[in-house]
Protein backbone atom coordinates (compact mmCIF):
# COMPACT_ATOMS: atom_id res chain seq x y z
CA UNK A 1 -71.48 12.10 0.21
CA UNK A 2 -75.11 12.99 -0.77
CA UNK A 3 -77.41 15.88 0.91
CA UNK A 4 -79.33 12.56 2.36
CA UNK A 5 -76.17 10.93 3.93
CA UNK A 6 -74.93 14.53 5.25
CA UNK A 7 -78.58 15.00 6.88
CA UNK A 8 -78.22 11.82 8.39
CA UNK A 9 -74.90 12.12 9.76
CA UNK A 10 -75.81 15.37 11.26
CA UNK A 11 -78.85 13.52 12.99
CA UNK A 12 -76.57 10.93 14.90
CA UNK A 13 -74.17 13.44 15.99
CA UNK A 14 -76.85 15.43 17.97
CA UNK A 15 -78.22 12.24 19.31
CA UNK A 16 -74.84 11.10 20.47
CA UNK A 17 -74.62 14.70 22.00
CA UNK A 18 -77.65 14.52 23.52
CA UNK A 19 -76.87 11.01 24.93
CA UNK A 20 -73.62 12.30 26.57
CA UNK A 21 -75.27 15.71 27.74
CA UNK A 22 -78.06 13.33 30.17
CA UNK A 23 -76.10 13.67 33.47
CA UNK A 24 -77.93 13.39 36.83
CA UNK A 25 -78.62 16.95 38.37
CA UNK A 26 -79.63 18.30 34.85
CA UNK A 27 -82.82 19.15 35.36
CA UNK A 28 -81.92 21.61 38.29
CA UNK A 29 -79.44 23.47 36.47
CA UNK A 30 -82.63 24.03 34.12
CA UNK A 31 -84.09 27.05 36.23
CA UNK A 32 -87.42 25.51 36.46
CA UNK A 33 -88.23 24.97 33.47
CA UNK A 34 -91.03 22.30 32.46
CA UNK A 35 -90.51 19.60 29.66
CA UNK A 36 -92.99 19.09 27.60
CA UNK A 37 -93.14 15.91 25.58
CA UNK A 38 -94.48 15.60 22.30
CA UNK A 39 -98.30 15.29 21.99
CA UNK A 40 -99.29 11.98 20.42
CA UNK A 41 -103.04 11.24 18.90
CA UNK A 42 -104.90 9.36 20.98
CA UNK A 43 -107.56 7.34 19.17
CA UNK A 44 -110.56 7.26 21.77
CA UNK A 45 -113.08 5.51 19.14
CA UNK A 46 -112.64 1.98 20.93
CA UNK A 47 -113.49 3.77 24.44
CA UNK A 48 -116.71 2.88 25.78
CA UNK A 49 -117.50 5.31 27.95
CA UNK A 50 -115.95 8.74 28.98
CA UNK A 51 -115.47 8.17 32.60
CA UNK A 52 -113.06 5.67 31.97
CA UNK A 53 -110.54 8.14 30.63
CA UNK A 54 -112.23 11.45 32.29
CA UNK A 55 -112.00 10.78 36.02
CA UNK A 56 -111.00 14.37 37.26
CA UNK A 57 -115.02 15.36 37.48
CA UNK A 58 -115.45 12.56 39.94
CA UNK A 59 -112.35 12.48 41.73
CA UNK A 60 -111.86 13.69 45.88
CA UNK A 61 -109.75 16.76 45.64
CA UNK A 62 -112.13 18.20 42.78
CA UNK A 63 -114.96 17.83 45.52
CA UNK A 64 -112.99 19.00 48.33
CA UNK A 65 -111.96 22.04 46.51
CA UNK A 66 -115.37 22.78 45.16
CA UNK A 67 -116.76 22.77 48.34
CA UNK A 68 -114.08 25.08 50.44
CA UNK A 69 -114.62 27.47 47.56
CA UNK A 70 -118.39 27.56 48.43
CA UNK A 71 -117.62 27.79 51.94
CA UNK A 72 -115.24 30.96 51.61
CA UNK A 73 -117.45 32.37 49.23
CA UNK A 74 -120.22 32.80 51.41
CA UNK A 75 -118.01 34.07 54.31
CA UNK A 76 -115.96 37.11 52.75
CA UNK A 77 -112.79 37.66 55.15
CA UNK A 78 -110.98 41.31 55.68
CA UNK A 79 -107.56 42.01 55.34
CA UNK A 80 -107.13 42.90 58.82
CA UNK A 81 -107.64 38.92 59.87
CA UNK A 82 -104.57 38.36 57.82
CA UNK A 83 -101.59 37.90 60.26
CA UNK A 84 -98.16 36.72 59.54
CA UNK A 85 -96.71 35.16 56.46
CA UNK A 86 -99.63 35.13 53.54
CA UNK A 87 -98.11 31.50 53.09
CA UNK A 88 -99.79 30.50 56.21
CA UNK A 89 -103.19 31.20 55.55
CA UNK A 90 -105.67 28.87 54.63
CA UNK A 91 -107.36 30.85 52.18
CA UNK A 92 -103.71 31.27 50.27
CA UNK A 93 -103.39 27.33 49.79
CA UNK A 94 -107.24 27.09 48.81
CA UNK A 95 -106.63 29.77 45.65
CA UNK A 96 -102.96 28.46 45.04
CA UNK A 97 -104.74 24.70 44.77
CA UNK A 98 -107.98 26.31 42.86
CA UNK A 99 -105.63 27.84 40.36
CA UNK A 100 -103.70 24.50 39.57
CA UNK A 101 -107.19 22.53 39.59
CA UNK A 102 -107.94 24.98 36.53
CA UNK A 103 -104.97 23.59 34.59
CA UNK A 104 -106.21 20.09 35.06
CA UNK A 105 -109.57 20.97 33.91
CA UNK A 106 -108.35 22.39 30.82
CA UNK A 107 -106.23 18.77 30.14
CA UNK A 108 -109.43 17.21 31.02
CA UNK A 109 -111.66 19.48 28.87
CA UNK A 110 -109.25 18.46 25.48
CA UNK A 111 -109.59 14.59 26.74
CA UNK A 112 -113.18 14.79 26.29
CA UNK A 113 -113.12 16.91 22.89
CA UNK A 114 -111.31 14.21 21.06
CA UNK A 115 -113.51 11.29 22.68
CA UNK A 116 -116.70 13.54 21.42
CA UNK A 117 -114.94 14.14 18.04
CA UNK A 118 -113.98 10.50 17.66
CA UNK A 119 -117.22 9.24 17.97
CA UNK A 120 -119.23 11.44 16.38
CA UNK A 121 -117.07 11.59 13.03
CA UNK A 122 -119.00 8.60 12.41
CA UNK A 123 -122.31 10.62 11.89
CA UNK A 124 -120.74 13.99 10.80
CA UNK A 125 -117.15 13.85 10.01
CA UNK A 126 -116.74 17.22 8.44
CA UNK A 127 -118.15 19.10 11.87
CA UNK A 128 -114.84 19.00 13.35
CA UNK A 129 -113.01 21.34 10.39
CA UNK A 130 -116.19 23.63 10.46
CA UNK A 131 -116.16 24.21 14.27
CA UNK A 132 -112.58 24.11 15.62
CA UNK A 133 -113.44 25.53 19.34
CA UNK A 134 -113.87 22.77 21.25
CA UNK A 135 -116.31 23.77 23.80
CA UNK A 136 -118.11 25.18 20.78
CA UNK A 137 -118.26 21.39 19.09
CA UNK A 138 -119.28 19.79 22.14
CA UNK A 139 -122.13 22.06 22.40
CA UNK A 140 -123.08 21.52 18.67
CA UNK A 141 -122.97 18.00 19.14
CA UNK A 142 -125.10 17.86 22.07
CA UNK A 143 -127.81 20.42 20.00
CA UNK A 144 -127.78 18.35 16.71
CA UNK A 145 -127.64 14.71 17.84
CA UNK A 146 -128.46 12.36 15.28
CA UNK A 147 -130.87 14.72 13.52
CA UNK A 148 -128.76 17.09 11.38
CA UNK A 149 -131.92 19.41 10.25
CA UNK A 150 -131.89 21.25 13.28
CA UNK A 151 -129.24 23.36 11.72
CA UNK A 152 -132.04 25.45 10.21
CA UNK A 153 -133.95 27.98 12.30
CA UNK A 154 -132.52 26.96 15.67
CA UNK A 155 -131.93 29.44 18.45
CA UNK A 156 -129.94 27.68 20.15
CA UNK A 157 -127.35 26.76 17.57
CA UNK A 158 -127.48 30.68 17.11
CA UNK A 159 -126.20 31.42 20.17
CA UNK A 160 -123.08 29.13 19.61
CA UNK A 161 -122.42 29.75 16.44
CA UNK A 162 -122.29 32.51 14.11
CA UNK A 163 -124.88 33.01 11.27
CA UNK A 164 -122.14 32.37 8.67
CA UNK A 165 -120.86 29.29 10.50
CA UNK A 166 -124.35 27.74 10.85
CA UNK A 167 -125.15 27.83 7.24
CA UNK A 168 -122.15 26.41 6.08
CA UNK A 169 -122.85 23.57 8.80
CA UNK A 170 -126.22 23.47 7.22
CA UNK A 171 -125.09 23.39 3.53
CA UNK A 172 -122.45 20.44 4.50
CA UNK A 173 -124.80 18.47 6.91
CA UNK A 174 -127.05 17.92 3.49
CA UNK A 175 -124.53 16.25 1.81
CA UNK A 176 -122.30 14.29 3.99
CA UNK A 177 -121.56 10.80 3.77
CA UNK A 178 -122.01 9.79 7.56
CA UNK A 179 -124.25 7.06 9.10
CA UNK A 180 -126.74 7.14 11.90
CA UNK A 181 -125.63 6.71 15.63
CA UNK A 182 -126.98 3.96 17.92
CA UNK A 183 -128.85 4.64 21.14
CA UNK A 184 -125.82 3.59 23.14
CA UNK A 185 -123.68 5.66 21.31
CA UNK A 186 -125.95 8.82 21.10
CA UNK A 187 -126.37 8.64 25.51
CA UNK A 188 -122.24 8.00 26.06
CA UNK A 189 -122.10 11.48 23.29
CA UNK A 190 -124.71 12.91 25.79
CA UNK A 191 -122.88 12.09 28.55
CA UNK A 192 -119.56 13.17 27.56
CA UNK A 193 -121.06 16.65 26.40
CA UNK A 194 -123.18 17.26 29.84
CA UNK A 195 -119.71 16.05 31.96
CA UNK A 196 -117.39 18.89 29.61
CA UNK A 197 -119.82 21.54 30.17
CA UNK A 198 -119.51 20.62 33.98
CA UNK A 199 -116.28 21.10 34.04
CA UNK A 200 -116.05 24.02 32.16
CA UNK A 201 -118.85 25.59 34.35
CA UNK A 202 -116.74 24.73 37.44
CA UNK A 203 -113.69 26.36 35.85
CA UNK A 204 -115.37 29.46 35.92
CA UNK A 205 -116.49 29.34 39.08
CA UNK A 206 -113.11 28.88 40.35
CA UNK A 207 -111.76 32.07 38.13
CA UNK A 208 -114.36 34.04 39.70
CA UNK A 209 -113.86 32.96 43.39
CA UNK A 210 -109.77 33.56 42.40
CA UNK A 211 -110.27 36.92 40.88
CA UNK A 212 -112.21 38.00 43.57
CA UNK A 213 -109.57 36.88 46.75
CA UNK A 214 -106.69 38.10 44.71
CA UNK A 215 -107.38 41.53 45.55
CA UNK A 216 -107.45 39.83 49.37
CA UNK A 217 -104.21 38.22 48.93
CA UNK A 218 -102.14 40.50 46.22
CA UNK A 219 -104.04 43.66 45.24
CA UNK A 220 -101.16 45.89 44.13
CA UNK A 221 -100.03 42.67 41.85
CA UNK A 222 -102.73 41.51 40.90
CA UNK A 223 -104.09 44.89 39.52
CA UNK A 224 -100.87 45.22 37.20
CA UNK A 225 -101.31 41.81 35.44
CA UNK A 226 -104.60 40.72 36.53
CA UNK A 227 -105.96 37.88 39.16
CA UNK A 228 -105.13 34.92 37.10
CA UNK A 229 -102.12 35.70 36.35
CA UNK A 230 -100.99 36.78 39.48
CA UNK A 231 -102.24 33.36 40.84
CA UNK A 232 -100.33 31.59 38.44
CA UNK A 233 -96.73 33.15 39.06
CA UNK A 234 -97.88 33.07 42.89
CA UNK A 235 -98.42 29.46 42.76
CA UNK A 236 -95.08 28.71 40.55
CA UNK A 237 -92.48 30.91 43.00
CA UNK A 238 -93.46 29.01 45.76
CA UNK A 239 -95.76 31.75 47.77
CA UNK A 240 -96.22 35.48 47.95
CA UNK A 241 -93.11 35.87 50.16
CA UNK A 242 -90.59 34.10 47.83
CA UNK A 243 -91.95 35.62 44.80
CA UNK A 244 -91.15 39.29 46.96
CA UNK A 245 -87.55 37.88 47.06
CA UNK A 246 -87.01 36.48 43.22
CA UNK A 247 -85.36 39.63 41.00
CA UNK A 248 -87.44 40.66 37.99
CA UNK A 249 -85.10 38.17 35.21
CA UNK A 250 -86.14 35.71 37.39
CA UNK A 251 -89.96 36.25 37.56
CA UNK A 252 -90.36 36.91 33.65
CA UNK A 253 -89.26 32.85 33.37
CA UNK A 254 -92.16 31.81 35.55
CA UNK A 255 -93.82 29.35 33.66
CA UNK A 256 -91.84 29.09 31.00
CA UNK A 257 -91.97 25.73 28.72
CA UNK A 258 -89.55 23.90 26.61
CA UNK A 259 -90.76 21.15 24.15
CA UNK A 260 -88.64 18.09 23.36
CA UNK A 261 -88.90 17.97 19.98
CA UNK A 262 -85.88 15.19 19.17
CA UNK A 263 -84.18 17.41 16.74
CA UNK A 264 -86.57 18.92 15.02
CA UNK A 265 -87.05 22.95 14.25
CA UNK A 266 -88.34 24.83 17.27
CA UNK A 267 -88.29 28.34 15.54
CA UNK A 268 -92.27 28.43 16.29
CA UNK A 269 -91.53 28.59 20.11
CA UNK A 270 -91.03 31.46 21.85
CA UNK A 271 -88.06 30.65 24.28
CA UNK A 272 -87.72 32.63 27.41
CA UNK A 273 -91.82 33.61 27.80
CA UNK A 274 -93.61 32.86 30.52
CA UNK A 275 -96.86 33.91 32.18
CA UNK A 276 -95.84 37.47 32.36
CA UNK A 277 -95.15 37.39 28.24
CA UNK A 278 -98.95 36.10 27.58
CA UNK A 279 -100.83 38.21 29.94
CA UNK A 280 -103.04 40.72 28.20
CA UNK A 281 -100.92 43.45 29.42
CA UNK A 282 -98.36 42.56 27.17
CA UNK A 283 -100.23 40.67 24.49
CA UNK A 284 -101.83 43.96 23.85
CA UNK A 285 -98.31 45.35 22.16
CA UNK A 286 -97.38 44.82 18.70
CA UNK A 287 -95.21 42.09 18.67
CA UNK A 288 -91.72 44.02 18.49
CA UNK A 289 -92.83 45.43 21.65
CA UNK A 290 -93.88 42.59 23.75
CA UNK A 291 -90.38 41.25 24.97
CA UNK A 292 -89.98 44.80 25.98
CA UNK A 293 -92.66 45.41 27.64
CA UNK A 294 -92.52 41.70 29.54
CA UNK A 295 -89.09 42.85 31.27
CA UNK A 296 -90.86 46.59 32.51
CA UNK A 297 -93.92 44.49 33.68
CA UNK A 298 -91.92 42.02 35.61
CA UNK A 299 -89.74 44.70 37.16
CA UNK A 300 -93.29 46.34 38.38
CA UNK A 301 -94.45 43.21 39.24
CA UNK A 302 -91.56 42.46 41.39
CA UNK A 303 -91.88 46.09 43.19
CA UNK A 304 -95.70 45.14 43.61
CA UNK A 305 -95.27 41.74 45.18
CA UNK A 306 -92.69 43.14 47.88
CA UNK A 307 -95.40 45.76 49.25
CA UNK A 308 -97.83 42.70 49.47
CA UNK A 309 -95.66 40.54 51.05
CA UNK A 310 -95.57 43.10 53.93
CA UNK A 311 -99.38 44.03 53.63
CA UNK A 312 -98.98 47.50 52.90
CA UNK A 313 -101.34 49.40 50.58
CA UNK A 314 -104.25 47.43 50.78
CA UNK A 315 -106.48 49.35 48.97
CA UNK A 316 -103.93 49.07 45.65
CA UNK A 317 -102.62 52.94 45.26
CA UNK A 318 -99.01 51.68 44.76
CA UNK A 319 -100.24 49.08 41.98
CA UNK A 320 -102.55 51.72 40.24
CA UNK A 321 -99.67 53.70 40.05
CA UNK A 322 -97.03 51.23 38.71
CA UNK A 323 -99.50 50.42 36.09
CA UNK A 324 -99.82 54.34 35.38
CA UNK A 325 -96.42 54.13 34.80
CA UNK A 326 -96.15 51.25 32.72
CA UNK A 327 -98.76 52.77 30.56
CA UNK A 328 -97.14 55.59 29.86
CA UNK A 329 -94.31 54.10 28.65
CA UNK A 330 -95.97 51.78 26.44
CA UNK A 331 -97.45 54.86 24.82
CA UNK A 332 -94.39 56.53 24.66
CA UNK A 333 -93.31 53.59 22.69
CA UNK A 334 -95.80 53.51 20.54
CA UNK A 335 -95.56 57.46 19.63
CA UNK A 336 -94.88 57.70 15.41
CA UNK A 337 -91.19 59.69 15.15
CA UNK A 338 -90.99 63.59 15.20
CA UNK A 339 -91.56 65.13 11.82
CA UNK A 340 -87.95 66.19 10.22
CA UNK A 341 -87.48 70.03 9.76
CA UNK A 342 -86.47 70.62 5.93
CA UNK A 343 -83.86 73.41 6.57
CA UNK A 344 -83.10 76.35 3.86
CA UNK A 345 -80.78 76.22 1.75
CA UNK A 346 -79.46 79.39 0.70
CA UNK A 347 -77.46 77.93 -2.30
CA UNK A 348 -81.11 76.86 -4.01
CA UNK A 349 -82.44 80.24 -2.91
CA UNK A 350 -79.88 82.18 -4.99
CA UNK A 351 -80.68 79.61 -7.94
CA UNK A 352 -84.03 80.54 -8.09
CA UNK A 353 -85.45 77.45 -6.45
CA UNK A 354 -87.11 78.20 -2.86
CA UNK A 355 -89.64 76.13 -0.43
CA UNK A 356 -90.67 79.47 0.73
CA UNK A 357 -92.66 79.36 4.10
CA UNK A 358 -92.90 75.24 4.20
CA UNK A 359 -91.38 73.63 6.92
CA UNK A 360 -90.42 77.09 8.54
CA UNK A 361 -91.37 77.80 12.32
CA UNK A 362 -92.07 81.03 11.20
CA UNK A 363 -94.90 80.15 8.64
CA UNK A 364 -97.90 82.33 8.53
CA UNK A 365 -95.86 85.97 8.89
CA UNK A 366 -95.95 88.23 6.41
CA UNK A 367 -92.30 89.67 6.83
CA UNK A 368 -89.39 86.48 7.01
CA UNK A 369 -87.07 86.95 9.87
CA UNK A 370 -83.76 88.69 8.86
CA UNK A 371 -80.74 86.97 6.83
CA UNK A 372 -77.28 87.47 8.08
CA UNK A 373 -75.74 88.41 4.39
CA UNK A 374 -72.14 87.89 5.98
CA UNK A 375 -72.77 83.94 6.54
CA UNK A 376 -75.05 83.67 3.72
CA UNK A 377 -73.95 81.54 0.81
CA UNK A 378 -73.14 83.38 -2.36
CA UNK A 379 -72.38 82.77 -6.19
CA UNK A 380 -70.41 84.66 -8.44
CA UNK A 381 -71.30 87.55 -10.31
CA UNK A 382 -70.78 85.63 -13.59
CA UNK A 383 -72.73 82.74 -12.69
CA UNK A 384 -75.31 85.10 -12.05
CA UNK A 385 -75.07 86.67 -15.45
CA UNK A 386 -75.15 83.00 -17.03
CA UNK A 387 -78.00 82.04 -15.47
CA UNK A 388 -80.22 85.32 -16.37
CA UNK A 389 -79.37 84.63 -19.88
CA UNK A 390 -79.75 81.19 -20.33
CA UNK A 391 -83.40 81.94 -18.67
CA UNK A 392 -83.99 84.97 -21.45
CA UNK A 393 -83.31 82.73 -24.05
CA UNK A 394 -86.40 81.41 -25.81
CA UNK A 395 -87.14 77.59 -24.71
CA UNK A 396 -84.35 77.86 -21.56
CA UNK A 397 -87.42 78.44 -19.05
CA UNK A 398 -88.89 75.32 -17.68
CA UNK A 399 -91.88 74.76 -15.83
CA UNK A 400 -89.90 74.39 -12.86
CA UNK A 401 -87.79 77.39 -13.16
CA UNK A 402 -90.49 79.89 -13.47
CA UNK A 403 -92.71 77.77 -11.65
CA UNK A 404 -95.55 78.21 -14.29
CA UNK A 405 -97.91 75.47 -14.82
CA UNK A 406 -96.86 71.64 -16.20
CA UNK A 407 -100.46 71.64 -18.08
CA UNK A 408 -99.93 74.82 -19.99
CA UNK A 409 -100.56 74.41 -23.73
CA UNK A 410 -99.63 76.80 -26.76
CA UNK A 411 -103.45 75.92 -27.78
CA UNK A 412 -106.16 78.00 -26.16
CA UNK A 413 -110.10 78.48 -26.87
CA UNK A 414 -111.41 81.68 -27.57
CA UNK A 415 -114.81 82.76 -28.68
CA UNK A 416 -114.48 84.27 -31.76
CA UNK A 417 -112.15 81.93 -33.70
CA UNK A 418 -112.64 78.64 -31.59
CA UNK A 419 -108.79 76.86 -31.63
CA UNK A 420 -106.17 79.37 -31.55
CA UNK A 421 -102.66 79.11 -30.84
CA UNK A 422 -101.09 81.45 -28.79
CA UNK A 423 -97.61 81.72 -26.75
CA UNK A 424 -98.39 81.50 -23.21
CA UNK A 425 -95.26 82.67 -22.17
CA UNK A 426 -94.60 85.86 -24.70
CA UNK A 427 -96.28 88.35 -21.60
CA UNK A 428 -94.22 86.92 -19.06
CA UNK A 429 -91.11 86.78 -21.29
CA UNK A 430 -91.83 90.84 -22.35
CA UNK A 431 -92.08 91.98 -18.63
CA UNK A 432 -88.66 89.51 -17.90
CA UNK A 433 -87.03 91.67 -20.63
CA UNK A 434 -87.96 94.89 -19.09
CA UNK A 435 -86.95 93.81 -15.66
CA UNK A 436 -83.57 92.82 -17.01
CA UNK A 437 -83.60 96.15 -18.75
CA UNK A 438 -83.95 98.35 -16.08
CA UNK A 439 -83.79 96.37 -12.78
CA UNK A 440 -81.21 93.61 -12.87
CA UNK A 441 -78.24 93.29 -10.65
CA UNK A 442 -75.75 93.57 -14.01
CA UNK A 443 -77.58 96.56 -15.58
CA UNK A 444 -75.98 99.52 -16.44
CA UNK A 445 -76.42 103.23 -16.20
CA UNK A 446 -78.93 104.41 -18.75
CA UNK A 447 -78.58 107.66 -20.48
CA UNK A 448 -82.47 108.98 -21.53
CA UNK A 449 -83.04 111.46 -24.00
CA UNK A 450 -85.20 113.93 -22.92
CA UNK A 451 -87.54 115.25 -25.80
CA UNK A 452 -87.38 119.02 -26.73
CA UNK A 453 -90.05 120.93 -25.83
CA UNK A 454 -91.85 122.78 -28.77
CA UNK A 455 -91.15 126.71 -28.45
CA UNK A 456 -93.91 128.20 -28.77
């Protein structure tokens, strides 16, 4: 059986297992994981108007939520006005609905970006690869239009793109093979760009409102993970009360997504990662510490949610304490390992090798610590004599043993003779011979003859 046949057989077995596992009630046992279908590339080049595919801007729920946000922004409420379960409060319901609306706005912006890209590729097809960001692409299309010469010395474009990107866009625009757009096509493009920018402005307005009111609904939770993430996990959990009853291991999985890839590889996906893993607190750490940090942050979020559900610590003191504890542990995890202390080797010292005071706790003191002779490692007298005799023979020494410079040379420069061949170890050898004779450990008693004094 060839390799291709084996691959086909494995795919058929995997398909049969998927068909067999498709039992009713399976989705309830998945722990609330959301299945995301595969994204299919849709061609909007044949679409006449953007309003036929992007209908959120003119929908009734969108207008109602924006109007309510304007009403509550003008009438700020106090924490004392909230009594009973926080889920029954109308402003809390508005916060959850507004948070869900931001997700719909993001999806709508992606649709509009694809529409603008398909339409404008007729005029400037290379712009998509030069400006990958969706909003920047839409702003650039609105500014340029049919006249690509606007790239040069355009102050509005400098606020959207960097100078390097503008230079590349202007050079590419001079050599593009695109054709001019008609007046109707250009008008539809401007309409789509205006709708995208208006939706983006509404999204930022919702973010500002949610961030300002999350300190009113859940002050301690929003301090730890931020207002946006706190609103997301509260919305998925079904309210602050349900969130307070949830264990930390389940809270960490809120917002997890499972992509159905029909048998293809899923190594690029991160399993068991939800809103907590993708918040700024966890993402600020190195990748190898993020899962550990997500577990810690989820545990502290559970404590903060239980405090907020009973309307305690309205000033956020508990949240600040928990966040300080999280940051302290993060700093501890990222500390470098301690430097290993270099232990003394008595045998090496007896052989003539020593590191001196390097790495010792008493370095810097003139007098060294006393060594207990009874526990110090010793070598035999015969080995000492052998080592000393080897060190005294000519050429027996090395630059490591006598601690001399490895760059020492027998050629010296003198002012009288110029180059002169000398022995740099001659003086040292004479001193060593004298020490060997009189002060060595194996030296014998010498009888010194005294010269007779001359008699007068």
